[in-house]
């Protein structure tokens, strides 16, 4: 018998909240300093994600994924640009790097990921099929409205 994803998430959320509470001060401070939006447990995954407008175009993110061992997280940067006609998402993400939960180390990994994303060139982006895209017509206006939901980052 399979478990409904919402049920799984609700059963797992307290465990994830306990894990992320160990690093929430570092993550919240990083978001505040760099003007990033935090999305927790996007698509029911064990991660917090910083989401922001990419300095060149589109939307970028830095996922902070819980690792199995509870002593580390994986820092995974990504970037996408959506085009309306025909709808295509151009995407790039890195496998990321493992960071300890130690505040200074974690902050260093996050800063490096943010600086690297800002330097990426759109030649690395590849077209993908996006399973999360809403059904129906995607317009340039909808894409613009989506991008405007996210903040412009402060990058050192």
C-alpha atoms as a PDB file:
ATOM      1  CA  UNK A   1       0.000   0.000   0.000  1.00  0.00           C
ATOM      2  CA  UNK A   2       1.497   3.335  -1.016  1.00  0.00           C
ATOM      3  CA  UNK A   3       1.486   6.398   1.228  1.00  0.00           C
ATOM      4  CA  UNK A   4      -0.182   9.578   0.064  1.00  0.00           C
ATOM      5  CA  UNK A   5       2.576  12.244  -0.386  1.00  0.00           C
ATOM      6  CA  UNK A   6       0.732  14.660   1.900  1.00  0.00           C
ATOM      7  CA  UNK A   7       0.509  12.014   4.628  1.00  0.00           C
ATOM      8  CA  UNK A   8       4.199  11.189   4.226  1.00  0.00           C
ATOM      9  CA  UNK A   9       5.115  14.868   4.456  1.00  0.00           C
ATOM     10  CA  UNK A  10       3.000  15.417   7.566  1.00  0.00           C
ATOM     11  CA  UNK A  11       4.544  12.381   9.247  1.00  0.00           C
ATOM     12  CA  UNK A  12       8.064  13.413   8.265  1.00  0.00           C
ATOM     13  CA  UNK A  13       7.730  17.188   8.846  1.00  0.00           C
ATOM     14  CA  UNK A  14       8.408  17.103  12.630  1.00  0.00           C
ATOM     15  CA  UNK A  15      11.643  15.186  11.995  1.00  0.00           C
ATOM     16  CA  UNK A  16      12.662  17.678   9.286  1.00  0.00           C
ATOM     17  CA  UNK A  17      11.769  20.632  11.497  1.00  0.00           C
ATOM     18  CA  UNK A  18      14.030  19.239  14.255  1.00  0.00           C
ATOM     19  CA  UNK A  19      16.882  18.755  11.797  1.00  0.00           C
ATOM     20  CA  UNK A  20      16.611  22.210  10.196  1.00  0.00           C
ATOM     21  CA  UNK A  21      16.196  23.906  13.587  1.00  0.00           C
ATOM     22  CA  UNK A  22      19.918  23.138  14.128  1.00  0.00           C
ATOM     23  CA  UNK A  23      20.844  25.410  11.204  1.00  0.00           C
ATOM     24  CA  UNK A  24      17.835  27.702  10.886  1.00  0.00           C
ATOM     25  CA  UNK A  25      19.653  30.704  12.400  1.00  0.00           C
ATOM     26  CA  UNK A  26      22.406  30.443   9.769  1.00  0.00           C
ATOM     27  CA  UNK A  27      19.892  29.942   6.939  1.00  0.00           C
ATOM     28  CA  UNK A  28      17.574  32.769   8.034  1.00  0.00           C
ATOM     29  CA  UNK A  29      20.492  35.190   8.517  1.00  0.00           C
ATOM     30  CA  UNK A  30      21.905  34.292   5.094  1.00  0.00           C
ATOM     31  CA  UNK A  31      18.503  34.925   3.515  1.00  0.00           C
ATOM     32  CA  UNK A  32      18.163  38.281   5.281  1.00  0.00           C
ATOM     33  CA  UNK A  33      21.685  39.489   4.449  1.00  0.00           C
ATOM     34  CA  UNK A  34      21.430  38.513   0.776  1.00  0.00           C
ATOM     35  CA  UNK A  35      17.725  39.321   0.240  1.00  0.00           C
ATOM     36  CA  UNK A  36      16.667  35.755  -0.620  1.00  0.00           C
ATOM     37  CA  UNK A  37      13.282  34.062  -0.225  1.00  0.00           C
ATOM     38  CA  UNK A  38      13.253  30.781   1.692  1.00  0.00           C
ATOM     39  CA  UNK A  39      10.901  28.019   0.573  1.00  0.00           C
ATOM     40  CA  UNK A  40      10.732  25.117   3.003  1.00  0.00           C
ATOM     41  CA  UNK A  41      10.244  21.528   1.842  1.00  0.00           C
ATOM     42  CA  UNK A  42       9.396  22.405  -1.760  1.00  0.00           C
ATOM     43  CA  UNK A  43       7.560  19.527  -3.464  1.00  0.00           C
ATOM     44  CA  UNK A  44       7.776  17.660  -0.121  1.00  0.00           C
ATOM     45  CA  UNK A  45      11.551  17.225  -0.345  1.00  0.00           C
ATOM     46  CA  UNK A  46      13.763  17.365   2.779  1.00  0.00           C
ATOM     47  CA  UNK A  47      15.302  20.729   1.949  1.00  0.00           C
ATOM     48  CA  UNK A  48      15.073  24.461   2.401  1.00  0.00           C
ATOM     49  CA  UNK A  49      15.581  26.441  -0.775  1.00  0.00           C
ATOM     50  CA  UNK A  50      16.747  30.018  -1.280  1.00  0.00           C
ATOM     51  CA  UNK A  51      14.985  31.403  -4.356  1.00  0.00           C
ATOM     52  CA  UNK A  52      15.751  34.700  -6.085  1.00  0.00           C
ATOM     53  CA  UNK A  53      15.953  36.454  -9.422  1.00  0.00           C
ATOM     54  CA  UNK A  54      19.078  35.557 -11.319  1.00  0.00           C
ATOM     55  CA  UNK A  55      21.131  38.714 -12.046  1.00  0.00           C
ATOM     56  CA  UNK A  56      21.095  37.928 -15.783  1.00  0.00           C
ATOM     57  CA  UNK A  57      17.578  36.531 -16.315  1.00  0.00           C
ATOM     58  CA  UNK A  58      15.154  34.018 -14.865  1.00  0.00           C
ATOM     59  CA  UNK A  59      15.106  32.479 -11.413  1.00  0.00           C
ATOM     60  CA  UNK A  60      17.908  30.898  -9.402  1.00  0.00           C
ATOM     61  CA  UNK A  61      17.946  28.766  -6.301  1.00  0.00           C
ATOM     62  CA  UNK A  62      20.230  27.242  -3.739  1.00  0.00           C
ATOM     63  CA  UNK A  63      18.877  24.052  -2.222  1.00  0.00           C
ATOM     64  CA  UNK A  64      20.036  23.034   1.246  1.00  0.00           C
ATOM     65  CA  UNK A  65      19.246  19.316   1.254  1.00  0.00           C
ATOM     66  CA  UNK A  66      19.305  17.131   4.338  1.00  0.00           C
ATOM     67  CA  UNK A  67      21.720  14.236   3.915  1.00  0.00           C
ATOM     68  CA  UNK A  68      20.961  10.754   5.264  1.00  0.00           C
ATOM     69  CA  UNK A  69      23.559  10.972   8.055  1.00  0.00           C
ATOM     70  CA  UNK A  70      21.959  13.974   9.856  1.00  0.00           C
ATOM     71  CA  UNK A  71      25.415  15.577  10.171  1.00  0.00           C
ATOM     72  CA  UNK A  72      25.613  17.199   6.752  1.00  0.00           C
ATOM     73  CA  UNK A  73      23.663  19.022   4.086  1.00  0.00           C
ATOM     74  CA  UNK A  74      24.183  19.179   0.345  1.00  0.00           C
ATOM     75  CA  UNK A  75      24.287  22.671  -1.159  1.00  0.00           C
ATOM     76  CA  UNK A  76      22.851  22.483  -4.704  1.00  0.00           C
ATOM     77  CA  UNK A  77      22.658  25.615  -6.865  1.00  0.00           C
ATOM     78  CA  UNK A  78      20.352  25.838  -9.869  1.00  0.00           C
ATOM     79  CA  UNK A  79      19.055  28.312 -12.436  1.00  0.00           C
ATOM     80  CA  UNK A  80      16.236  28.375 -14.958  1.00  0.00           C
ATOM     81  CA  UNK A  81      14.811  30.616 -17.641  1.00  0.00           C
ATOM     82  CA  UNK A  82      11.309  30.063 -18.976  1.00  0.00           C
ATOM     83  CA  UNK A  83      10.340  30.976 -22.539  1.00  0.00           C
ATOM     84  CA  UNK A  84       6.667  31.304 -23.461  1.00  0.00           C
ATOM     85  CA  UNK A  85       6.225  30.246 -27.104  1.00  0.00           C
ATOM     86  CA  UNK A  86       6.436  27.348 -27.290  1.00  0.00           C
ATOM     87  CA  UNK A  87       6.858  26.861 -23.565  1.00  0.00           C
ATOM     88  CA  UNK A  88      10.381  25.731 -22.799  1.00  0.00           C
ATOM     89  CA  UNK A  89      12.289  25.748 -19.551  1.00  0.00           C
ATOM     90  CA  UNK A  90      16.056  26.083 -19.844  1.00  0.00           C
ATOM     91  CA  UNK A  91      17.673  24.634 -16.741  1.00  0.00           C
ATOM     92  CA  UNK A  92      20.998  23.988 -15.088  1.00  0.00           C
ATOM     93  CA  UNK A  93      21.744  22.572 -11.659  1.00  0.00           C
ATOM     94  CA  UNK A  94      24.842  21.349  -9.957  1.00  0.00           C
ATOM     95  CA  UNK A  95      25.145  18.090  -8.033  1.00  0.00           C
ATOM     96  CA  UNK A  96      26.259  20.332  -5.207  1.00  0.00           C
ATOM     97  CA  UNK A  97      28.722  19.979  -2.412  1.00  0.00           C
ATOM     98  CA  UNK A  98      28.493  18.469   1.047  1.00  0.00           C
ATOM     99  CA  UNK A  99      28.741  20.887   3.967  1.00  0.00           C
ATOM    100  CA  UNK A 100      28.878  20.202   7.656  1.00  0.00           C
ATOM    101  CA  UNK A 101      26.299  21.864   9.876  1.00  0.00           C
ATOM    102  CA  UNK A 102      28.991  23.996  11.536  1.00  0.00           C
ATOM    103  CA  UNK A 103      27.781  27.603  11.087  1.00  0.00           C
ATOM    104  CA  UNK A 104      30.991  29.068   9.625  1.00  0.00           C
ATOM    105  CA  UNK A 105      31.451  26.212   7.157  1.00  0.00           C
ATOM    106  CA  UNK A 106      27.799  26.235   6.101  1.00  0.00           C
ATOM    107  CA  UNK A 107      27.832  30.003   5.568  1.00  0.00           C
ATOM    108  CA  UNK A 108      31.005  29.730   3.442  1.00  0.00           C
ATOM    109  CA  UNK A 109      29.410  27.078   1.205  1.00  0.00           C
ATOM    110  CA  UNK A 110      26.267  29.206   0.803  1.00  0.00           C
ATOM    111  CA  UNK A 111      28.256  32.344  -0.073  1.00  0.00           C
ATOM    112  CA  UNK A 112      30.297  30.419  -2.630  1.00  0.00           C
ATOM    113  CA  UNK A 113      27.160  28.989  -4.230  1.00  0.00           C
ATOM    114  CA  UNK A 114      25.580  32.453  -4.482  1.00  0.00           C
ATOM    115  CA  UNK A 115      28.707  33.991  -6.042  1.00  0.00           C
ATOM    116  CA  UNK A 116      29.046  31.100  -8.498  1.00  0.00           C
ATOM    117  CA  UNK A 117      25.419  31.327  -9.639  1.00  0.00           C
ATOM    118  CA  UNK A 118      25.823  35.032 -10.385  1.00  0.00           C
ATOM    119  CA  UNK A 119      28.792  34.243 -12.641  1.00  0.00           C
ATOM    120  CA  UNK A 120      27.104  31.488 -14.619  1.00  0.00           C
ATOM    121  CA  UNK A 121      26.520  32.136 -18.310  1.00  0.00           C
ATOM    122  CA  UNK A 122      23.276  31.074 -19.988  1.00  0.00           C
ATOM    123  CA  UNK A 123      25.229  28.833 -22.369  1.00  0.00           C
ATOM    124  CA  UNK A 124      25.114  26.169 -19.596  1.00  0.00           C
ATOM    125  CA  UNK A 125      21.296  26.053 -19.662  1.00  0.00           C
ATOM    126  CA  UNK A 126      19.642  23.069 -21.357  1.00  0.00           C
ATOM    127  CA  UNK A 127      15.965  22.645 -22.332  1.00  0.00           C
ATOM    128  CA  UNK A 128      13.958  20.328 -20.073  1.00  0.00           C
ATOM    129  CA  UNK A 129      10.419  19.108 -19.556  1.00  0.00           C
ATOM    130  CA  UNK A 130       9.072  20.552 -16.323  1.00  0.00           C
ATOM    131  CA  UNK A 131       6.673  18.265 -14.419  1.00  0.00           C
ATOM    132  CA  UNK A 132       5.602  21.133 -12.130  1.00  0.00           C
ATOM    133  CA  UNK A 133       4.500  23.596 -14.822  1.00  0.00           C
ATOM    134  CA  UNK A 134       0.845  24.487 -14.659  1.00  0.00           C
ATOM    135  CA  UNK A 135      -1.310  23.031 -17.373  1.00  0.00           C
ATOM    136  CA  UNK A 136      -2.588  25.386 -20.027  1.00  0.00           C
ATOM    137  CA  UNK A 137      -1.222  28.385 -21.815  1.00  0.00           C
ATOM    138  CA  UNK A 138       1.987  29.902 -20.492  1.00  0.00           C
ATOM    139  CA  UNK A 139       2.357  33.525 -21.498  1.00  0.00           C
ATOM    140  CA  UNK A 140       5.196  35.976 -21.242  1.00  0.00           C
ATOM    141  CA  UNK A 141       3.069  37.901 -18.727  1.00  0.00           C
ATOM    142  CA  UNK A 142       2.681  34.801 -16.510  1.00  0.00           C
ATOM    143  CA  UNK A 143       6.415  34.189 -16.644  1.00  0.00           C
ATOM    144  CA  UNK A 144       7.146  37.823 -15.750  1.00  0.00           C
ATOM    145  CA  UNK A 145       4.661  37.690 -12.871  1.00  0.00           C
ATOM    146  CA  UNK A 146       6.330  34.509 -11.567  1.00  0.00           C
ATOM    147  CA  UNK A 147       9.792  36.100 -11.656  1.00  0.00           C
ATOM    148  CA  UNK A 148       8.510  39.202  -9.858  1.00  0.00           C
ATOM    149  CA  UNK A 149       7.513  37.041  -6.857  1.00  0.00           C
ATOM    150  CA  UNK A 150      11.194  36.629  -6.054  1.00  0.00           C
ATOM    151  CA  UNK A 151      13.648  39.194  -4.680  1.00  0.00           C
ATOM    152  CA  UNK A 152      16.702  40.687  -6.341  1.00  0.00           C
ATOM    153  CA  UNK A 153      19.652  39.257  -4.395  1.00  0.00           C
ATOM    154  CA  UNK A 154      22.415  41.203  -2.695  1.00  0.00           C
ATOM    155  CA  UNK A 155      25.608  39.537  -3.896  1.00  0.00           C
ATOM    156  CA  UNK A 156      28.992  40.510  -2.437  1.00  0.00           C
END
